[in-house]
Amino acid sequence: MELVNGDSASPTLISNVEVMELLKKNIDERARANNQNKKKSKKRADMRYRHRDWVEGEVYKYFQSTPCVKLDPAKREEFHSKLKGNKKLRRSSGEKKEGGNGDQKQAAQENGAIGFDLTEAEACQIMNMMPTQPVEIHLMVDDLQSRMPEERQEEFLAFVEAYSTGPEPCAQPMDIDEEEVAPKVNGRHDNSNQGDRNSGGAQVKQESTEERGVI
């Protein structure tokens, strides 16, 4: 999600976890305000912003069914910083690569200890989806094969799993196809069509028996 920053011409990317925190804060504040108003007076609640409140509530419920809830909000900043890494230390590691194979291995180890050198957009995708399989990383990180060898990808998945300490996503209710549900008549399901089909099948079976008898 993009957040428009008034002090900058370009929007700022924020993760779904941050959006959930903002929505939760708004929902809790409105709930407290409504309870206080009910205690003070018996006036009807303000309905001017009911559509906005409904949308925020539905978006919050949706996010609860996505993998982003597995990321502990208290560890979000630490997780994000390790995904992106430290540019200054990465630059010094790059200088050592010119020395030879031994220096390259040392630089790779240092780079691994710092972070995974992801862009802001890639880090947000990882925080939103909390991948558990290599194929998922390929969909979120550009040119993954050249940036992360297979061993490094396994380390990355283990790193993500270590931060997946939150609750499992809530299951969303499944949409029911209206055509598959028999319509109700006076509180009962109308199975007349099914009965007609059954009687039609019995009639066809009876006619075929009679024809065999005639032959």
N, C-alpha and C. Protein backbone atom coordinates (compact mmCIF):
# COMPACT_ATOMS: atom_id res chain seq x y z
N MET A 1 0.84 -1.18 0.00
CA MET A 1 0.00 0.00 0.00
C MET A 1 0.88 1.24 0.00
N GLU A 2 0.42 2.29 -0.72
CA GLU A 2 1.17 3.53 -0.80
C GLU A 2 0.53 4.59 0.07
N LEU A 3 1.35 5.27 0.86
CA LEU A 3 0.89 6.35 1.72
C LEU A 3 1.46 7.66 1.19
N VAL A 4 0.59 8.60 0.88
CA VAL A 4 1.03 9.87 0.32
C VAL A 4 1.60 10.73 1.43
N ASN A 5 2.84 11.13 1.28
CA ASN A 5 3.53 11.96 2.26
C ASN A 5 3.46 13.41 1.80
N GLY A 6 2.92 14.28 2.63
CA GLY A 6 2.75 15.67 2.24
C GLY A 6 4.06 16.40 2.05
N ASP A 7 5.14 15.93 2.67
CA ASP A 7 6.44 16.59 2.57
C ASP A 7 7.27 16.08 1.41
N SER A 8 6.76 15.08 0.70
CA SER A 8 7.52 14.49 -0.40
C SER A 8 6.63 14.35 -1.62
N ALA A 9 7.27 14.45 -2.80
CA ALA A 9 6.51 14.32 -4.04
C ALA A 9 6.18 12.87 -4.35
N SER A 10 6.95 11.94 -3.80
CA SER A 10 6.73 10.51 -4.06
C SER A 10 6.01 9.86 -2.88
N PRO A 11 5.15 8.87 -3.16
CA PRO A 11 4.44 8.20 -2.07
C PRO A 11 5.36 7.30 -1.26
N THR A 12 4.95 6.99 -0.05
CA THR A 12 5.71 6.12 0.84
C THR A 12 5.02 4.77 0.92
N LEU A 13 5.80 3.69 0.77
CA LEU A 13 5.25 2.34 0.85
C LEU A 13 5.13 1.92 2.31
N ILE A 14 3.98 1.36 2.68
CA ILE A 14 3.81 0.80 4.01
C ILE A 14 3.24 -0.61 3.88
N SER A 15 3.53 -1.44 4.84
CA SER A 15 3.11 -2.84 4.79
C SER A 15 1.68 -2.98 5.32
N ASN A 16 1.12 -4.16 5.07
CA ASN A 16 -0.23 -4.44 5.56
C ASN A 16 -0.29 -4.46 7.09
N VAL A 17 0.82 -4.83 7.72
CA VAL A 17 0.86 -4.83 9.19
C VAL A 17 0.68 -3.42 9.73
N GLU A 18 1.32 -2.46 9.07
CA GLU A 18 1.17 -1.07 9.49
C GLU A 18 -0.25 -0.56 9.26
N VAL A 19 -0.85 -0.97 8.14
CA VAL A 19 -2.24 -0.58 7.87
C VAL A 19 -3.16 -1.16 8.93
N MET A 20 -2.91 -2.41 9.32
CA MET A 20 -3.72 -3.04 10.36
C MET A 20 -3.61 -2.28 11.67
N GLU A 21 -2.39 -1.83 12.01
CA GLU A 21 -2.20 -1.07 13.25
C GLU A 21 -3.00 0.22 13.22
N LEU A 22 -2.99 0.92 12.08
CA LEU A 22 -3.74 2.16 11.97
C LEU A 22 -5.25 1.92 12.07
N LEU A 23 -5.72 0.87 11.38
CA LEU A 23 -7.15 0.56 11.41
C LEU A 23 -7.58 0.15 12.82
N LYS A 24 -6.76 -0.67 13.47
CA LYS A 24 -7.08 -1.11 14.84
C LYS A 24 -7.16 0.08 15.78
N LYS A 25 -6.25 1.02 15.62
CA LYS A 25 -6.25 2.22 16.46
C LYS A 25 -7.53 3.03 16.24
N ASN A 26 -7.92 3.21 14.97
CA ASN A 26 -9.14 3.97 14.67
C ASN A 26 -10.38 3.27 15.21
N ILE A 27 -10.45 1.95 15.03
CA ILE A 27 -11.62 1.19 15.49
C ILE A 27 -11.74 1.25 17.01
N ASP A 28 -10.62 1.08 17.71
CA ASP A 28 -10.65 1.12 19.18
C ASP A 28 -11.04 2.52 19.69
N GLU A 29 -10.51 3.56 19.06
CA GLU A 29 -10.83 4.92 19.49
C GLU A 29 -12.32 5.22 19.28
N ARG A 30 -12.87 4.78 18.17
CA ARG A 30 -14.31 5.01 17.93
C ARG A 30 -15.16 4.23 18.91
N ALA A 31 -14.72 3.00 19.23
CA ALA A 31 -15.48 2.20 20.19
C ALA A 31 -15.50 2.87 21.57
N ARG A 32 -14.36 3.39 22.00
CA ARG A 32 -14.31 4.07 23.29
C ARG A 32 -15.16 5.34 23.28
N ALA A 33 -15.10 6.09 22.18
CA ALA A 33 -15.89 7.32 22.08
C ALA A 33 -17.38 7.01 22.09
N ASN A 34 -17.79 5.97 21.39
CA ASN A 34 -19.21 5.59 21.37
C ASN A 34 -19.69 5.17 22.75
N ASN A 35 -18.86 4.45 23.48
CA ASN A 35 -19.25 4.02 24.83
C ASN A 35 -19.39 5.21 25.77
N GLN A 36 -18.48 6.17 25.64
CA GLN A 36 -18.57 7.36 26.48
C GLN A 36 -19.81 8.18 26.15
N ASN A 37 -20.14 8.31 24.87
CA ASN A 37 -21.32 9.07 24.47
C ASN A 37 -22.61 8.41 24.95
N LYS A 38 -22.62 7.07 24.94
CA LYS A 38 -23.81 6.36 25.41
C LYS A 38 -24.03 6.59 26.91
N LYS A 39 -22.92 6.65 27.66
CA LYS A 39 -23.05 6.86 29.11
C LYS A 39 -23.51 8.29 29.43
N LYS A 40 -23.01 9.25 28.64
CA LYS A 40 -23.35 10.65 28.92
C LYS A 40 -24.77 11.00 28.49
N SER A 41 -25.18 10.51 27.37
CA SER A 41 -26.51 10.87 26.84
C SER A 41 -27.09 9.70 26.08
N LYS A 42 -28.37 9.77 25.86
CA LYS A 42 -29.06 8.72 25.12
C LYS A 42 -29.30 9.13 23.66
N LYS A 43 -28.51 10.08 23.20
CA LYS A 43 -28.67 10.52 21.82
C LYS A 43 -28.24 9.43 20.85
N ARG A 44 -28.82 9.50 19.69
CA ARG A 44 -28.51 8.52 18.66
C ARG A 44 -27.08 8.73 18.15
N ALA A 45 -26.39 7.64 17.85
CA ALA A 45 -25.01 7.73 17.39
C ALA A 45 -24.94 8.45 16.04
N ASP A 46 -23.81 9.14 15.82
CA ASP A 46 -23.61 9.88 14.58
C ASP A 46 -23.42 8.89 13.44
N MET A 47 -24.28 8.98 12.42
CA MET A 47 -24.25 8.02 11.31
C MET A 47 -23.62 8.61 10.05
N ARG A 48 -23.01 9.79 10.16
CA ARG A 48 -22.45 10.42 8.97
C ARG A 48 -21.30 9.63 8.38
N TYR A 49 -20.53 8.97 9.25
CA TYR A 49 -19.35 8.25 8.78
C TYR A 49 -19.52 6.74 8.87
N ARG A 50 -20.75 6.27 8.82
CA ARG A 50 -20.99 4.83 8.99
C ARG A 50 -20.39 4.03 7.83
N HIS A 51 -20.41 4.59 6.60
CA HIS A 51 -19.84 3.86 5.47
C HIS A 51 -18.33 3.74 5.60
N ARG A 52 -17.69 4.83 6.04
CA ARG A 52 -16.24 4.77 6.27
C ARG A 52 -15.91 3.76 7.35
N ASP A 53 -16.67 3.77 8.44
CA ASP A 53 -16.42 2.84 9.54
C ASP A 53 -16.61 1.40 9.08
N TRP A 54 -17.63 1.17 8.24
CA TRP A 54 -17.88 -0.20 7.76
C TRP A 54 -16.73 -0.67 6.88
N VAL A 55 -16.24 0.21 5.98
CA VAL A 55 -15.13 -0.16 5.09
C VAL A 55 -13.88 -0.47 5.90
N GLU A 56 -13.57 0.36 6.89
CA GLU A 56 -12.38 0.11 7.71
C GLU A 56 -12.50 -1.21 8.46
N GLY A 57 -13.69 -1.49 8.97
CA GLY A 57 -13.88 -2.75 9.68
C GLY A 57 -13.72 -3.96 8.77
N GLU A 58 -14.26 -3.87 7.55
CA GLU A 58 -14.15 -4.99 6.61
C GLU A 58 -12.71 -5.20 6.15
N VAL A 59 -11.99 -4.10 5.91
CA VAL A 59 -10.59 -4.21 5.51
C VAL A 59 -9.76 -4.84 6.63
N TYR A 60 -10.04 -4.45 7.86
CA TYR A 60 -9.31 -5.01 9.00
C TYR A 60 -9.59 -6.51 9.13
N LYS A 61 -10.84 -6.91 8.94
CA LYS A 61 -11.17 -8.34 9.01
C LYS A 61 -10.49 -9.11 7.89
N TYR A 62 -10.40 -8.49 6.71
CA TYR A 62 -9.73 -9.17 5.60
C TYR A 62 -8.25 -9.39 5.90
N PHE A 63 -7.59 -8.36 6.41
CA PHE A 63 -6.17 -8.49 6.73
C PHE A 63 -5.93 -9.57 7.76
N GLN A 64 -6.90 -9.81 8.64
CA GLN A 64 -6.74 -10.87 9.64
C GLN A 64 -6.73 -12.25 9.00
N SER A 65 -7.19 -12.36 7.77
CA SER A 65 -7.19 -13.65 7.07
C SER A 65 -5.99 -13.81 6.15
N THR A 66 -5.04 -12.87 6.19
CA THR A 66 -3.86 -12.92 5.33
C THR A 66 -2.62 -13.26 6.15
N PRO A 67 -1.55 -13.71 5.48
CA PRO A 67 -0.34 -14.14 6.22
C PRO A 67 0.36 -13.04 6.99
N CYS A 68 0.03 -11.77 6.74
CA CYS A 68 0.75 -10.70 7.43
C CYS A 68 0.53 -10.73 8.94
N VAL A 69 -0.54 -11.37 9.40
CA VAL A 69 -0.80 -11.41 10.84
C VAL A 69 0.24 -12.26 11.58
N LYS A 70 0.99 -13.09 10.85
CA LYS A 70 2.00 -13.92 11.49
C LYS A 70 3.22 -13.12 11.94
N LEU A 71 3.36 -11.91 11.42
CA LEU A 71 4.48 -11.06 11.81
C LEU A 71 4.11 -10.27 13.06
N ASP A 72 4.92 -10.44 14.11
CA ASP A 72 4.69 -9.73 15.36
C ASP A 72 4.94 -8.24 15.16
N PRO A 73 3.94 -7.38 15.42
CA PRO A 73 4.14 -5.94 15.23
C PRO A 73 5.32 -5.39 16.02
N ALA A 74 5.62 -5.97 17.16
CA ALA A 74 6.74 -5.49 17.98
C ALA A 74 8.08 -5.72 17.30
N LYS A 75 8.15 -6.72 16.40
CA LYS A 75 9.39 -7.04 15.71
C LYS A 75 9.39 -6.56 14.26
N ARG A 76 8.39 -5.78 13.89
CA ARG A 76 8.25 -5.36 12.49
C ARG A 76 9.45 -4.54 12.02
N GLU A 77 9.86 -3.53 12.80
CA GLU A 77 10.96 -2.67 12.38
C GLU A 77 12.27 -3.44 12.28
N GLU A 78 12.50 -4.34 13.22
CA GLU A 78 13.72 -5.15 13.17
C GLU A 78 13.71 -6.06 11.95
N PHE A 79 12.58 -6.67 11.68
CA PHE A 79 12.44 -7.55 10.51
C PHE A 79 12.66 -6.76 9.22
N HIS A 80 12.07 -5.59 9.15
CA HIS A 80 12.19 -4.76 7.95
C HIS A 80 13.63 -4.32 7.72
N SER A 81 14.32 -3.93 8.76
CA SER A 81 15.71 -3.47 8.62
C SER A 81 16.62 -4.60 8.16
N LYS A 82 16.39 -5.82 8.62
CA LYS A 82 17.21 -6.95 8.21
C LYS A 82 16.90 -7.38 6.79
N LEU A 83 15.68 -7.18 6.35
CA LEU A 83 15.35 -7.50 4.96
C LEU A 83 16.11 -6.58 4.00
N LYS A 84 16.21 -5.31 4.36
CA LYS A 84 16.87 -4.34 3.48
C LYS A 84 18.38 -4.32 3.69
N GLY A 85 18.86 -4.56 4.91
CA GLY A 85 20.29 -4.56 5.17
C GLY A 85 20.84 -3.17 5.35
N ASN A 86 22.15 -3.09 5.54
CA ASN A 86 22.85 -1.82 5.76
C ASN A 86 23.67 -1.49 4.53
N LYS A 87 23.34 -0.37 3.87
CA LYS A 87 23.99 -0.02 2.60
C LYS A 87 25.48 0.26 2.78
N LYS A 88 25.86 0.94 3.85
CA LYS A 88 27.26 1.27 4.04
C LYS A 88 28.11 0.03 4.19
N LEU A 89 27.62 -0.94 5.00
CA LEU A 89 28.38 -2.16 5.20
C LEU A 89 28.37 -3.01 3.94
N ARG A 90 27.28 -2.97 3.17
CA ARG A 90 27.24 -3.71 1.92
C ARG A 90 28.25 -3.13 0.94
N ARG A 91 28.44 -1.81 0.93
CA ARG A 91 29.38 -1.18 0.03
C ARG A 91 30.81 -1.60 0.38
N SER A 92 31.13 -1.67 1.68
CA SER A 92 32.46 -2.11 2.08
C SER A 92 32.68 -3.57 1.73
N SER A 93 31.62 -4.38 1.80
CA SER A 93 31.73 -5.77 1.41
C SER A 93 32.00 -5.88 -0.08
N GLY A 94 31.39 -4.99 -0.87
CA GLY A 94 31.61 -5.01 -2.31
C GLY A 94 33.03 -4.69 -2.68
N GLU A 95 33.68 -3.83 -1.89
CA GLU A 95 35.07 -3.51 -2.17
C GLU A 95 35.97 -4.70 -1.95
N LYS A 96 35.63 -5.58 -1.01
CA LYS A 96 36.47 -6.74 -0.73
C LYS A 96 36.36 -7.80 -1.82
N LYS A 97 35.29 -7.74 -2.62
CA LYS A 97 35.10 -8.75 -3.66
C LYS A 97 36.20 -8.72 -4.70
N GLU A 98 36.87 -7.57 -4.84
CA GLU A 98 37.91 -7.46 -5.85
C GLU A 98 39.18 -8.21 -5.45
N GLY A 99 39.30 -8.62 -4.21
CA GLY A 99 40.53 -9.23 -3.74
C GLY A 99 40.71 -10.68 -4.16
N GLY A 100 39.65 -11.43 -4.41
CA GLY A 100 39.79 -12.83 -4.76
C GLY A 100 38.65 -13.63 -4.20
N ASN A 101 38.73 -14.97 -4.39
CA ASN A 101 37.65 -15.86 -3.97
C ASN A 101 37.48 -15.84 -2.45
N GLY A 102 38.59 -15.82 -1.71
CA GLY A 102 38.48 -15.81 -0.26
C GLY A 102 37.79 -14.56 0.23
N ASP A 103 38.13 -13.42 -0.37
CA ASP A 103 37.48 -12.18 0.02
C ASP A 103 36.01 -12.17 -0.36
N GLN A 104 35.67 -12.82 -1.49
CA GLN A 104 34.28 -12.90 -1.90
C GLN A 104 33.45 -13.68 -0.90
N LYS A 105 33.99 -14.78 -0.41
CA LYS A 105 33.27 -15.57 0.59
C LYS A 105 33.09 -14.78 1.88
N GLN A 106 34.15 -14.08 2.27
CA GLN A 106 34.07 -13.28 3.49
C GLN A 106 33.03 -12.17 3.32
N ALA A 107 33.01 -11.54 2.13
CA ALA A 107 32.04 -10.49 1.87
C ALA A 107 30.63 -11.04 1.89
N ALA A 108 30.45 -12.24 1.33
CA ALA A 108 29.12 -12.85 1.32
C ALA A 108 28.64 -13.15 2.73
N GLN A 109 29.57 -13.63 3.57
CA GLN A 109 29.20 -13.91 4.95
C GLN A 109 28.82 -12.63 5.69
N GLU A 110 29.60 -11.56 5.46
CA GLU A 110 29.28 -10.30 6.11
C GLU A 110 27.95 -9.76 5.63
N ASN A 111 27.72 -9.90 4.31
CA ASN A 111 26.46 -9.42 3.75
C ASN A 111 25.29 -10.20 4.32
N GLY A 112 25.50 -11.52 4.54
CA GLY A 112 24.44 -12.33 5.10
C GLY A 112 24.13 -11.94 6.54
N ALA A 113 25.18 -11.56 7.28
CA ALA A 113 24.98 -11.17 8.67
C ALA A 113 24.25 -9.84 8.77
N ILE A 114 24.39 -9.00 7.73
CA ILE A 114 23.78 -7.67 7.76
C ILE A 114 22.31 -7.74 7.37
N GLY A 115 22.03 -8.32 6.24
CA GLY A 115 20.67 -8.36 5.73
C GLY A 115 20.61 -9.05 4.38
N PHE A 116 19.48 -8.89 3.70
CA PHE A 116 19.27 -9.60 2.44
C PHE A 116 19.20 -8.67 1.24
N ASP A 117 19.49 -7.40 1.43
CA ASP A 117 19.64 -6.45 0.32
C ASP A 117 18.39 -6.39 -0.56
N LEU A 118 17.23 -6.31 0.05
CA LEU A 118 15.98 -6.18 -0.71
C LEU A 118 15.61 -4.71 -0.87
N THR A 119 14.86 -4.43 -1.91
CA THR A 119 14.35 -3.08 -2.09
C THR A 119 13.18 -2.84 -1.14
N GLU A 120 12.73 -1.59 -1.06
CA GLU A 120 11.60 -1.27 -0.19
C GLU A 120 10.34 -2.00 -0.61
N ALA A 121 10.09 -2.05 -1.92
CA ALA A 121 8.90 -2.75 -2.42
C ALA A 121 8.97 -4.24 -2.15
N GLU A 122 10.15 -4.85 -2.34
CA GLU A 122 10.31 -6.28 -2.07
C GLU A 122 10.15 -6.58 -0.59
N ALA A 123 10.69 -5.72 0.26
CA ALA A 123 10.56 -5.93 1.71
C ALA A 123 9.09 -5.86 2.13
N CYS A 124 8.35 -4.92 1.56
CA CYS A 124 6.91 -4.83 1.88
C CYS A 124 6.17 -6.08 1.45
N GLN A 125 6.51 -6.61 0.27
CA GLN A 125 5.86 -7.84 -0.20
C GLN A 125 6.14 -9.01 0.73
N ILE A 126 7.38 -9.11 1.17
CA ILE A 126 7.74 -10.19 2.10
C ILE A 126 6.98 -10.04 3.41
N MET A 127 6.88 -8.83 3.92
CA MET A 127 6.16 -8.60 5.18
C MET A 127 4.67 -8.88 5.02
N ASN A 128 4.14 -8.64 3.84
CA ASN A 128 2.71 -8.89 3.60
C ASN A 128 2.39 -10.37 3.48
N MET A 129 3.27 -11.13 2.83
CA MET A 129 2.96 -12.52 2.49
C MET A 129 3.66 -13.54 3.38
N MET A 130 4.77 -13.15 4.03
CA MET A 130 5.53 -14.06 4.91
C MET A 130 5.70 -15.44 4.25
N PRO A 131 6.47 -15.50 3.16
CA PRO A 131 6.56 -16.73 2.36
C PRO A 131 7.13 -17.91 3.14
N THR A 132 6.72 -19.10 2.71
CA THR A 132 7.19 -20.33 3.33
C THR A 132 7.82 -21.29 2.31
N GLN A 133 7.70 -20.97 1.00
CA GLN A 133 8.22 -21.83 -0.05
C GLN A 133 9.11 -21.02 -0.99
N PRO A 134 10.13 -21.66 -1.60
CA PRO A 134 11.01 -20.93 -2.53
C PRO A 134 10.27 -20.30 -3.70
N VAL A 135 9.24 -20.97 -4.21
CA VAL A 135 8.52 -20.43 -5.35
C VAL A 135 7.85 -19.10 -5.01
N GLU A 136 7.48 -18.91 -3.76
CA GLU A 136 6.87 -17.65 -3.35
C GLU A 136 7.88 -16.51 -3.39
N ILE A 137 9.12 -16.81 -3.04
CA ILE A 137 10.14 -15.75 -3.07
C ILE A 137 10.38 -15.29 -4.50
N HIS A 138 10.34 -16.23 -5.45
CA HIS A 138 10.56 -15.88 -6.86
C HIS A 138 9.53 -14.88 -7.34
N LEU A 139 8.33 -14.93 -6.77
CA LEU A 139 7.27 -14.02 -7.19
C LEU A 139 7.41 -12.63 -6.57
N MET A 140 8.24 -12.51 -5.55
CA MET A 140 8.34 -11.25 -4.81
C MET A 140 9.68 -10.55 -4.98
N VAL A 141 10.72 -11.29 -5.32
CA VAL A 141 12.07 -10.72 -5.43
C VAL A 141 12.53 -10.83 -6.87
N ASP A 142 12.89 -9.70 -7.46
CA ASP A 142 13.37 -9.68 -8.84
C ASP A 142 14.74 -10.33 -8.96
N ASP A 143 14.91 -11.08 -10.07
CA ASP A 143 16.21 -11.69 -10.37
C ASP A 143 16.75 -12.46 -9.18
N LEU A 144 15.90 -13.28 -8.58
CA LEU A 144 16.26 -13.95 -7.33
C LEU A 144 17.44 -14.89 -7.50
N GLN A 145 17.49 -15.62 -8.64
CA GLN A 145 18.51 -16.65 -8.82
C GLN A 145 19.92 -16.08 -8.76
N SER A 146 20.12 -14.89 -9.31
CA SER A 146 21.45 -14.29 -9.29
C SER A 146 21.73 -13.57 -7.98
N ARG A 147 20.72 -13.18 -7.26
CA ARG A 147 20.90 -12.45 -6.01
C ARG A 147 20.97 -13.37 -4.80
N MET A 148 20.30 -14.53 -4.89
CA MET A 148 20.30 -15.48 -3.77
C MET A 148 20.48 -16.89 -4.30
N PRO A 149 21.62 -17.52 -4.03
CA PRO A 149 21.75 -18.94 -4.36
C PRO A 149 20.73 -19.78 -3.57
N GLU A 150 20.62 -21.05 -3.91
CA GLU A 150 19.62 -21.90 -3.26
C GLU A 150 19.85 -22.00 -1.75
N GLU A 151 21.11 -22.09 -1.35
CA GLU A 151 21.40 -22.16 0.09
C GLU A 151 20.96 -20.87 0.78
N ARG A 152 21.21 -19.75 0.10
CA ARG A 152 20.81 -18.46 0.67
C ARG A 152 19.29 -18.35 0.74
N GLN A 153 18.59 -18.92 -0.23
CA GLN A 153 17.12 -18.91 -0.20
C GLN A 153 16.59 -19.71 0.99
N GLU A 154 17.22 -20.84 1.28
CA GLU A 154 16.82 -21.62 2.45
C GLU A 154 17.06 -20.83 3.74
N GLU A 155 18.18 -20.12 3.81
CA GLU A 155 18.45 -19.28 4.98
C GLU A 155 17.39 -18.18 5.10
N PHE A 156 16.99 -17.65 3.96
CA PHE A 156 15.99 -16.58 3.96
C PHE A 156 14.65 -17.08 4.48
N LEU A 157 14.24 -18.27 4.04
CA LEU A 157 12.97 -18.84 4.51
C LEU A 157 13.03 -19.14 6.00
N ALA A 158 14.18 -19.63 6.47
CA ALA A 158 14.33 -19.87 7.90
C ALA A 158 14.27 -18.56 8.68
N PHE A 159 14.84 -17.52 8.10
CA PHE A 159 14.80 -16.20 8.73
C PHE A 159 13.36 -15.69 8.83
N VAL A 160 12.58 -15.85 7.77
CA VAL A 160 11.18 -15.41 7.79
C VAL A 160 10.39 -16.23 8.80
N GLU A 161 10.65 -17.53 8.84
CA GLU A 161 9.93 -18.40 9.78
C GLU A 161 10.23 -18.01 11.23
N ALA A 162 11.45 -17.56 11.49
CA ALA A 162 11.81 -17.16 12.86
C ALA A 162 11.00 -15.96 13.32
N TYR A 163 10.54 -15.14 12.39
CA TYR A 163 9.74 -13.97 12.74
C TYR A 163 8.24 -14.22 12.60
N SER A 164 7.87 -15.42 12.19
CA SER A 164 6.45 -15.76 12.05
C SER A 164 5.92 -16.29 13.37
N THR A 165 5.86 -15.43 14.37
CA THR A 165 5.47 -15.84 15.72
C THR A 165 4.04 -15.43 16.07
N GLY A 166 3.36 -14.74 15.16
CA GLY A 166 2.01 -14.29 15.43
C GLY A 166 0.99 -15.39 15.21
N PRO A 167 -0.29 -15.09 15.36
CA PRO A 167 -1.34 -16.09 15.17
C PRO A 167 -1.51 -16.46 13.71
N GLU A 168 -2.10 -17.61 13.47
CA GLU A 168 -2.40 -18.03 12.10
C GLU A 168 -3.54 -17.19 11.54
N PRO A 169 -3.57 -16.99 10.21
CA PRO A 169 -4.66 -16.21 9.61
C PRO A 169 -6.02 -16.84 9.87
N CYS A 170 -7.03 -16.00 10.10
CA CYS A 170 -8.39 -16.47 10.30
C CYS A 170 -8.98 -16.88 8.95
N ALA A 171 -9.78 -17.92 8.96
CA ALA A 171 -10.41 -18.38 7.72
C ALA A 171 -11.55 -17.45 7.37
N GLN A 172 -11.60 -17.03 6.10
CA GLN A 172 -12.68 -16.20 5.62
C GLN A 172 -13.88 -17.08 5.27
N PRO A 173 -15.12 -16.65 5.54
CA PRO A 173 -16.29 -17.45 5.16
C PRO A 173 -16.38 -17.61 3.65
N MET A 174 -16.70 -18.80 3.22
CA MET A 174 -16.78 -19.09 1.79
C MET A 174 -18.06 -18.51 1.21
N ASP A 175 -17.95 -18.03 -0.04
CA ASP A 175 -19.12 -17.53 -0.74
C ASP A 175 -19.96 -18.70 -1.21
N ILE A 176 -21.28 -18.62 -1.01
CA ILE A 176 -22.19 -19.69 -1.39
C ILE A 176 -22.84 -19.33 -2.71
N ASP A 177 -22.78 -20.25 -3.67
CA ASP A 177 -23.40 -20.03 -4.96
C ASP A 177 -24.91 -20.16 -4.81
N GLU A 178 -25.63 -19.10 -5.17
CA GLU A 178 -27.07 -19.10 -4.97
C GLU A 178 -27.75 -20.18 -5.82
N GLU A 179 -27.16 -20.51 -6.97
CA GLU A 179 -27.78 -21.52 -7.83
C GLU A 179 -27.73 -22.91 -7.24
N GLU A 180 -26.72 -23.13 -6.35
CA GLU A 180 -26.57 -24.46 -5.75
C GLU A 180 -27.47 -24.64 -4.54
N VAL A 181 -28.04 -23.57 -4.04
CA VAL A 181 -28.90 -23.65 -2.87
C VAL A 181 -30.35 -23.60 -3.33
N ALA A 182 -31.16 -24.58 -2.88
CA ALA A 182 -32.56 -24.62 -3.28
C ALA A 182 -33.31 -23.45 -2.65
N PRO A 183 -34.16 -22.77 -3.43
CA PRO A 183 -34.89 -21.64 -2.86
C PRO A 183 -35.87 -22.09 -1.79
N LYS A 184 -36.15 -21.18 -0.84
CA LYS A 184 -37.04 -21.49 0.26
C LYS A 184 -38.44 -20.97 -0.02
N VAL A 185 -39.43 -21.79 0.28
CA VAL A 185 -40.83 -21.41 0.16
C VAL A 185 -41.48 -21.64 1.51
N ASN A 186 -41.95 -20.55 2.15
CA ASN A 186 -42.56 -20.63 3.47
C ASN A 186 -41.62 -21.27 4.49
N GLY A 187 -40.33 -20.90 4.40
CA GLY A 187 -39.37 -21.38 5.38
C GLY A 187 -38.83 -22.76 5.08
N ARG A 188 -39.26 -23.40 3.96
CA ARG A 188 -38.77 -24.74 3.61
C ARG A 188 -38.12 -24.68 2.23
N HIS A 189 -37.18 -25.57 2.00
CA HIS A 189 -36.52 -25.62 0.72
C HIS A 189 -37.48 -26.17 -0.33
N ASP A 190 -37.47 -25.53 -1.50
CA ASP A 190 -38.31 -25.96 -2.60
C ASP A 190 -37.56 -27.01 -3.39
N ASN A 191 -37.94 -28.26 -3.25
CA ASN A 191 -37.29 -29.36 -3.95
C ASN A 191 -38.18 -29.91 -5.06
N SER A 192 -39.10 -29.07 -5.55
CA SER A 192 -40.04 -29.53 -6.57
C SER A 192 -39.32 -29.91 -7.85
N ASN A 193 -38.29 -29.11 -8.21
CA ASN A 193 -37.55 -29.43 -9.43
C ASN A 193 -36.84 -30.76 -9.32
N GLN A 194 -36.30 -31.02 -8.13
CA GLN A 194 -35.61 -32.29 -7.92
C GLN A 194 -36.60 -33.44 -7.98
N GLY A 195 -37.81 -33.20 -7.42
CA GLY A 195 -38.83 -34.24 -7.48
C GLY A 195 -39.26 -34.52 -8.89
N ASP A 196 -39.40 -33.46 -9.72
CA ASP A 196 -39.76 -33.66 -11.12
C ASP A 196 -38.70 -34.44 -11.85
N ARG A 197 -37.45 -34.16 -11.54
CA ARG A 197 -36.37 -34.89 -12.20
C ARG A 197 -36.41 -36.35 -11.81
N ASN A 198 -36.67 -36.62 -10.52
CA ASN A 198 -36.72 -38.01 -10.08
C ASN A 198 -37.89 -38.75 -10.73
N SER A 199 -39.07 -38.10 -10.78
CA SER A 199 -40.23 -38.75 -11.39
C SER A 199 -40.02 -38.95 -12.87
N GLY A 200 -39.32 -37.96 -13.51
CA GLY A 200 -39.04 -38.12 -14.93
C GLY A 200 -38.12 -39.29 -15.18
N GLY A 201 -37.14 -39.46 -14.30
CA GLY A 201 -36.23 -40.59 -14.45
C GLY A 201 -36.96 -41.90 -14.27
N ALA A 202 -37.91 -41.96 -13.30
CA ALA A 202 -38.67 -43.19 -13.09
C ALA A 202 -39.55 -43.49 -14.30
N GLN A 203 -40.15 -42.45 -14.93
CA GLN A 203 -41.01 -42.65 -16.09
C GLN A 203 -40.20 -43.18 -17.26
N VAL A 204 -39.02 -42.64 -17.47
CA VAL A 204 -38.18 -43.12 -18.57
C VAL A 204 -37.80 -44.57 -18.34
N LYS A 205 -37.49 -44.91 -17.08
CA LYS A 205 -37.11 -46.28 -16.77
C LYS A 205 -38.28 -47.23 -17.03
N GLN A 206 -39.51 -46.79 -16.67
CA GLN A 206 -40.68 -47.64 -16.87
C GLN A 206 -40.94 -47.84 -18.36
N GLU A 207 -40.81 -46.76 -19.17
CA GLU A 207 -41.04 -46.88 -20.61
C GLU A 207 -40.02 -47.81 -21.24
N SER A 208 -38.77 -47.74 -20.81
CA SER A 208 -37.76 -48.62 -21.38
C SER A 208 -38.04 -50.07 -21.03
N THR A 209 -38.63 -50.34 -19.82
CA THR A 209 -38.98 -51.70 -19.44
C THR A 209 -40.10 -52.24 -20.30
N GLU A 210 -41.10 -51.38 -20.56
CA GLU A 210 -42.21 -51.80 -21.42
C GLU A 210 -41.75 -52.10 -22.82
N GLU A 211 -40.84 -51.28 -23.34
CA GLU A 211 -40.34 -51.53 -24.69
C GLU A 211 -39.61 -52.87 -24.77
N ARG A 212 -38.84 -53.22 -23.73
CA ARG A 212 -38.15 -54.51 -23.75
C ARG A 212 -39.16 -55.65 -23.70
N GLY A 213 -40.28 -55.41 -22.97
CA GLY A 213 -41.32 -56.45 -22.93
C GLY A 213 -41.99 -56.66 -24.27
N VAL A 214 -42.21 -55.57 -25.01
CA VAL A 214 -42.85 -55.70 -26.33
C VAL A 214 -41.95 -56.41 -27.29
N ILE A 215 -40.64 -56.08 -27.24
CA ILE A 215 -39.70 -56.73 -28.14
C ILE A 215 -39.62 -58.22 -27.81
